[in-house]
Every structure is written in structure tokens, then in C-alpha cells.
Amino acid sequence: MVKQKIQRIEQKHLRLRTRIKQLAWKTICFSKTEEMYGIVIGLFINRYEFGLLV
């Protein structure tokens, strides 16, 4: 039971890391400033992790 919970958490973190890497790669293509890059990543994490629309 504990092993299944750990696997689920690790799988969720892997998906999140993969999505962030893809988003970062796409963001670099159009973003000119680090500030904008940080904002986009922050919005993505809020929406993905908490379902919050900002």
C-alpha cells in the first residue's frame, strides 16, 4: 500500500517535470525576458497543481 502511494507521487512529479521542461522549451522561443519566463512557469504550476485560473 505504501509502495503504491510512493509510485503515484513519483509518477505525478515525473509528469510535472516533463510538462515544465516542454513549457520551458516553448517559452524560450517567444519570451525575451527572464521575468516573463518566470511568470509563465508560475502560472503553469498554479494551474496544473492547484487548478487555479489567474
PDB file of N, CA and C in Angstrom:
ATOM      1  N   MET A   1       0.826  -1.191   0.000  1.00  0.00           N
ATOM      2  CA  MET A   1       0.000   0.000   0.000  1.00  0.00           C
ATOM      3  C   MET A   1       0.870   1.255   0.000  1.00  0.00           C
ATOM      4  N   VAL A   2       1.886   1.276   0.841  1.00  0.00           N
ATOM      5  CA  VAL A   2       2.776   2.435   0.890  1.00  0.00           C
ATOM      6  C   VAL A   2       3.546   2.561  -0.419  1.00  0.00           C
ATOM      7  N   LYS A   3       3.966   1.425  -0.974  1.00  0.00           N
ATOM      8  CA  LYS A   3       4.705   1.433  -2.233  1.00  0.00           C
ATOM      9  C   LYS A   3       3.866   2.034  -3.358  1.00  0.00           C
ATOM     10  N   GLN A   4       2.595   1.720  -3.394  1.00  0.00           N
ATOM     11  CA  GLN A   4       1.703   2.252  -4.427  1.00  0.00           C
ATOM     12  C   GLN A   4       1.561   3.764  -4.296  1.00  0.00           C
ATOM     13  N   LYS A   5       1.470   4.260  -3.070  1.00  0.00           N
ATOM     14  CA  LYS A   5       1.368   5.701  -2.856  1.00  0.00           C
ATOM     15  C   LYS A   5       2.636   6.407  -3.313  1.00  0.00           C
ATOM     16  N   ILE A   6       3.782   5.819  -2.988  1.00  0.00           N
ATOM     17  CA  ILE A   6       5.061   6.406  -3.395  1.00  0.00           C
ATOM     18  C   ILE A   6       5.170   6.424  -4.913  1.00  0.00           C
ATOM     19  N   GLN A   7       4.779   5.341  -5.565  1.00  0.00           N
ATOM     20  CA  GLN A   7       4.833   5.277  -7.027  1.00  0.00           C
ATOM     21  C   GLN A   7       3.919   6.326  -7.654  1.00  0.00           C
ATOM     22  N   ARG A   8       2.753   6.522  -7.071  1.00  0.00           N
ATOM     23  CA  ARG A   8       1.812   7.516  -7.590  1.00  0.00           C
ATOM     24  C   ARG A   8       2.388   8.926  -7.474  1.00  0.00           C
ATOM     25  N   ILE A   9       3.008   9.216  -6.348  1.00  0.00           N
ATOM     26  CA  ILE A   9       3.615  10.532  -6.135  1.00  0.00           C
ATOM     27  C   ILE A   9       4.768  10.735  -7.098  1.00  0.00           C
ATOM     28  N   GLU A  10       5.628   9.724  -7.251  1.00  0.00           N
ATOM     29  CA  GLU A  10       6.758   9.835  -8.167  1.00  0.00           C
ATOM     30  C   GLU A  10       6.292  10.013  -9.604  1.00  0.00           C
ATOM     31  N   GLN A  11       5.230   9.315  -9.983  1.00  0.00           N
ATOM     32  CA  GLN A  11       4.689   9.443 -11.330  1.00  0.00           C
ATOM     33  C   GLN A  11       4.144  10.849 -11.562  1.00  0.00           C
ATOM     34  N   LYS A  12       3.479  11.397 -10.572  1.00  0.00           N
ATOM     35  CA  LYS A  12       2.940  12.749 -10.680  1.00  0.00           C
ATOM     36  C   LYS A  12       4.070  13.765 -10.833  1.00  0.00           C
ATOM     37  N   HIS A  13       5.131  13.609 -10.038  1.00  0.00           N
ATOM     38  CA  HIS A  13       6.268  14.518 -10.128  1.00  0.00           C
ATOM     39  C   HIS A  13       6.971  14.399 -11.476  1.00  0.00           C
ATOM     40  N   LEU A  14       7.069  13.185 -11.994  1.00  0.00           N
ATOM     41  CA  LEU A  14       7.688  12.988 -13.308  1.00  0.00           C
ATOM     42  C   LEU A  14       6.881  13.692 -14.391  1.00  0.00           C
ATOM     43  N   ARG A  15       5.556  13.543 -14.347  1.00  0.00           N
ATOM     44  CA  ARG A  15       4.702  14.225 -15.337  1.00  0.00           C
ATOM     45  C   ARG A  15       4.854  15.729 -15.241  1.00  0.00           C
ATOM     46  N   LEU A  16       4.890  16.245 -14.015  1.00  0.00           N
ATOM     47  CA  LEU A  16       5.025  17.686 -13.818  1.00  0.00           C
ATOM     48  C   LEU A  16       6.365  18.176 -14.350  1.00  0.00           C
ATOM     49  N   ARG A  17       7.450  17.478 -14.032  1.00  0.00           N
ATOM     50  CA  ARG A  17       8.770  17.873 -14.539  1.00  0.00           C
ATOM     51  C   ARG A  17       8.814  17.859 -16.059  1.00  0.00           C
ATOM     52  N   THR A  18       8.229  16.829 -16.659  1.00  0.00           N
ATOM     53  CA  THR A  18       8.205  16.721 -18.120  1.00  0.00           C
ATOM     54  C   THR A  18       7.419  17.870 -18.732  1.00  0.00           C
ATOM     55  N   ARG A  19       6.259  18.175 -18.181  1.00  0.00           N
ATOM     56  CA  ARG A  19       5.448  19.273 -18.715  1.00  0.00           C
ATOM     57  C   ARG A  19       6.150  20.609 -18.558  1.00  0.00           C
ATOM     58  N   ILE A  20       6.842  20.819 -17.426  1.00  0.00           N
ATOM     59  CA  ILE A  20       7.557  22.074 -17.210  1.00  0.00           C
ATOM     60  C   ILE A  20       8.702  22.197 -18.220  1.00  0.00           C
ATOM     61  N   LYS A  21       9.415  21.112 -18.474  1.00  0.00           N
ATOM     62  CA  LYS A  21      10.501  21.161 -19.457  1.00  0.00           C
ATOM     63  C   LYS A  21       9.966  21.501 -20.839  1.00  0.00           C
ATOM     64  N   GLN A  22       8.850  20.891 -21.220  1.00  0.00           N
ATOM     65  CA  GLN A  22       8.249  21.192 -22.519  1.00  0.00           C
ATOM     66  C   GLN A  22       7.808  22.648 -22.578  1.00  0.00           C
ATOM     67  N   LEU A  23       7.187  23.125 -21.524  1.00  0.00           N
ATOM     68  CA  LEU A  23       6.732  24.510 -21.475  1.00  0.00           C
ATOM     69  C   LEU A  23       7.918  25.461 -21.529  1.00  0.00           C
ATOM     70  N   ALA A  24       8.976  25.131 -20.790  1.00  0.00           N
ATOM     71  CA  ALA A  24      10.169  25.978 -20.791  1.00  0.00           C
ATOM     72  C   ALA A  24      10.756  26.068 -22.184  1.00  0.00           C
ATOM     73  N   TRP A  25      10.822  24.960 -22.869  1.00  0.00           N
ATOM     74  CA  TRP A  25      11.372  24.965 -24.224  1.00  0.00           C
ATOM     75  C   TRP A  25      10.513  25.821 -25.158  1.00  0.00           C
ATOM     76  N   LYS A  26       9.211  25.712 -25.047  1.00  0.00           N
ATOM     77  CA  LYS A  26       8.313  26.506 -25.876  1.00  0.00           C
ATOM     78  C   LYS A  26       8.370  27.982 -25.485  1.00  0.00           C
ATOM     79  N   THR A  27       8.517  28.253 -24.203  1.00  0.00           N
ATOM     80  CA  THR A  27       8.527  29.633 -23.713  1.00  0.00           C
ATOM     81  C   THR A  27       9.768  30.367 -24.178  1.00  0.00           C
ATOM     82  N   ILE A  28      10.905  29.685 -24.205  1.00  0.00           N
ATOM     83  CA  ILE A  28      12.155  30.316 -24.624  1.00  0.00           C
ATOM     84  C   ILE A  28      12.027  30.846 -26.047  1.00  0.00           C
ATOM     85  N   CYS A  29      11.218  30.200 -26.861  1.00  0.00           N
ATOM     86  CA  CYS A  29      11.063  30.604 -28.261  1.00  0.00           C
ATOM     87  C   CYS A  29      10.453  31.994 -28.402  1.00  0.00           C
ATOM     88  N   PHE A  30       9.574  32.394 -27.504  1.00  0.00           N
ATOM     89  CA  PHE A  30       8.915  33.685 -27.684  1.00  0.00           C
ATOM     90  C   PHE A  30       9.171  34.680 -26.562  1.00  0.00           C
ATOM     91  N   SER A  31       9.722  34.232 -25.452  1.00  0.00           N
ATOM     92  CA  SER A  31       9.938  35.124 -24.327  1.00  0.00           C
ATOM     93  C   SER A  31      11.315  35.775 -24.424  1.00  0.00           C
ATOM     94  N   LYS A  32      11.366  37.076 -24.221  1.00  0.00           N
ATOM     95  CA  LYS A  32      12.628  37.806 -24.313  1.00  0.00           C
ATOM     96  C   LYS A  32      13.221  38.114 -22.943  1.00  0.00           C
ATOM     97  N   THR A  33      12.438  38.007 -21.887  1.00  0.00           N
ATOM     98  CA  THR A  33      12.947  38.366 -20.568  1.00  0.00           C
ATOM     99  C   THR A  33      12.793  37.195 -19.600  1.00  0.00           C
ATOM    100  N   GLU A  34      13.680  37.153 -18.623  1.00  0.00           N
ATOM    101  CA  GLU A  34      13.581  36.114 -17.599  1.00  0.00           C
ATOM    102  C   GLU A  34      12.332  36.301 -16.753  1.00  0.00           C
ATOM    103  N   GLU A  35      11.936  37.551 -16.565  1.00  0.00           N
ATOM    104  CA  GLU A  35      10.746  37.831 -15.761  1.00  0.00           C
ATOM    105  C   GLU A  35       9.508  37.186 -16.385  1.00  0.00           C
ATOM    106  N   MET A  36       9.352  37.350 -17.693  1.00  0.00           N
ATOM    107  CA  MET A  36       8.196  36.773 -18.379  1.00  0.00           C
ATOM    108  C   MET A  36       8.244  35.249 -18.315  1.00  0.00           C
ATOM    109  N   TYR A  37       9.436  34.699 -18.447  1.00  0.00           N
ATOM    110  CA  TYR A  37       9.618  33.250 -18.358  1.00  0.00           C
ATOM    111  C   TYR A  37       9.167  32.755 -16.979  1.00  0.00           C
ATOM    112  N   GLY A  38       9.577  33.438 -15.916  1.00  0.00           N
ATOM    113  CA  GLY A  38       9.184  33.064 -14.564  1.00  0.00           C
ATOM    114  C   GLY A  38       7.689  33.163 -14.344  1.00  0.00           C
ATOM    115  N   ILE A  39       7.075  34.192 -14.897  1.00  0.00           N
ATOM    116  CA  ILE A  39       5.627  34.371 -14.767  1.00  0.00           C
ATOM    117  C   ILE A  39       4.880  33.221 -15.435  1.00  0.00           C
ATOM    118  N   VAL A  40       5.306  32.863 -16.625  1.00  0.00           N
ATOM    119  CA  VAL A  40       4.626  31.791 -17.360  1.00  0.00           C
ATOM    120  C   VAL A  40       4.759  30.462 -16.614  1.00  0.00           C
ATOM    121  N   ILE A  41       5.953  30.164 -16.113  1.00  0.00           N
ATOM    122  CA  ILE A  41       6.149  28.917 -15.371  1.00  0.00           C
ATOM    123  C   ILE A  41       5.303  28.922 -14.097  1.00  0.00           C
ATOM    124  N   GLY A  42       5.264  30.054 -13.394  1.00  0.00           N
ATOM    125  CA  GLY A  42       4.457  30.155 -12.180  1.00  0.00           C
ATOM    126  C   GLY A  42       2.973  29.944 -12.447  1.00  0.00           C
ATOM    127  N   LEU A  43       2.472  30.551 -13.501  1.00  0.00           N
ATOM    128  CA  LEU A  43       1.064  30.377 -13.862  1.00  0.00           C
ATOM    129  C   LEU A  43       0.763  28.921 -14.211  1.00  0.00           C
ATOM    130  N   PHE A  44       1.693  28.315 -14.940  1.00  0.00           N
ATOM    131  CA  PHE A  44       1.501  26.911 -15.309  1.00  0.00           C
ATOM    132  C   PHE A  44       1.420  26.027 -14.072  1.00  0.00           C
ATOM    133  N   ILE A  45       2.332  26.219 -13.135  1.00  0.00           N
ATOM    134  CA  ILE A  45       2.344  25.385 -11.928  1.00  0.00           C
ATOM    135  C   ILE A  45       1.073  25.599 -11.118  1.00  0.00           C
ATOM    136  N   ASN A  46       0.626  26.837 -10.976  1.00  0.00           N
ATOM    137  CA  ASN A  46      -0.622  27.097 -10.238  1.00  0.00           C
ATOM    138  C   ASN A  46      -1.799  26.402 -10.897  1.00  0.00           C
ATOM    139  N   ARG A  47      -1.853  26.459 -12.213  1.00  0.00           N
ATOM    140  CA  ARG A  47      -2.984  25.846 -12.901  1.00  0.00           C
ATOM    141  C   ARG A  47      -2.900  24.322 -12.855  1.00  0.00           C
ATOM    142  N   TYR A  48      -1.709  23.789 -13.077  1.00  0.00           N
ATOM    143  CA  TYR A  48      -1.544  22.328 -13.113  1.00  0.00           C
ATOM    144  C   TYR A  48      -1.728  21.720 -11.731  1.00  0.00           C
ATOM    145  N   GLU A  49      -1.110  22.308 -10.738  1.00  0.00           N
ATOM    146  CA  GLU A  49      -1.095  21.708  -9.407  1.00  0.00           C
ATOM    147  C   GLU A  49      -2.359  22.020  -8.606  1.00  0.00           C
ATOM    148  N   PHE A  50      -2.886  23.238  -8.737  1.00  0.00           N
ATOM    149  CA  PHE A  50      -3.995  23.667  -7.882  1.00  0.00           C
ATOM    150  C   PHE A  50      -5.283  23.947  -8.654  1.00  0.00           C
ATOM    151  N   GLY A  51      -5.238  23.937  -9.973  1.00  0.00           N
ATOM    152  CA  GLY A  51      -6.412  24.210 -10.772  1.00  0.00           C
ATOM    153  C   GLY A  51      -6.863  25.660 -10.696  1.00  0.00           C
ATOM    154  N   LEU A  52      -5.930  26.561 -10.345  1.00  0.00           N
ATOM    155  CA  LEU A  52      -6.271  27.971 -10.188  1.00  0.00           C
ATOM    156  C   LEU A  52      -6.115  28.715 -11.513  1.00  0.00           C
ATOM    157  N   LEU A  53      -7.110  29.488 -11.855  1.00  0.00           N
ATOM    158  CA  LEU A  53      -7.016  30.347 -13.026  1.00  0.00           C
ATOM    159  C   LEU A  53      -6.638  31.731 -12.544  1.00  0.00           C
ATOM    160  N   VAL A  54      -5.548  32.236 -13.050  1.00  0.00           N
ATOM    161  CA  VAL A  54      -5.061  33.560 -12.602  1.00  0.00           C
ATOM    162  C   VAL A  54      -5.263  34.560 -13.719  1.00  0.00           C
TER     163      VAL A  54
END
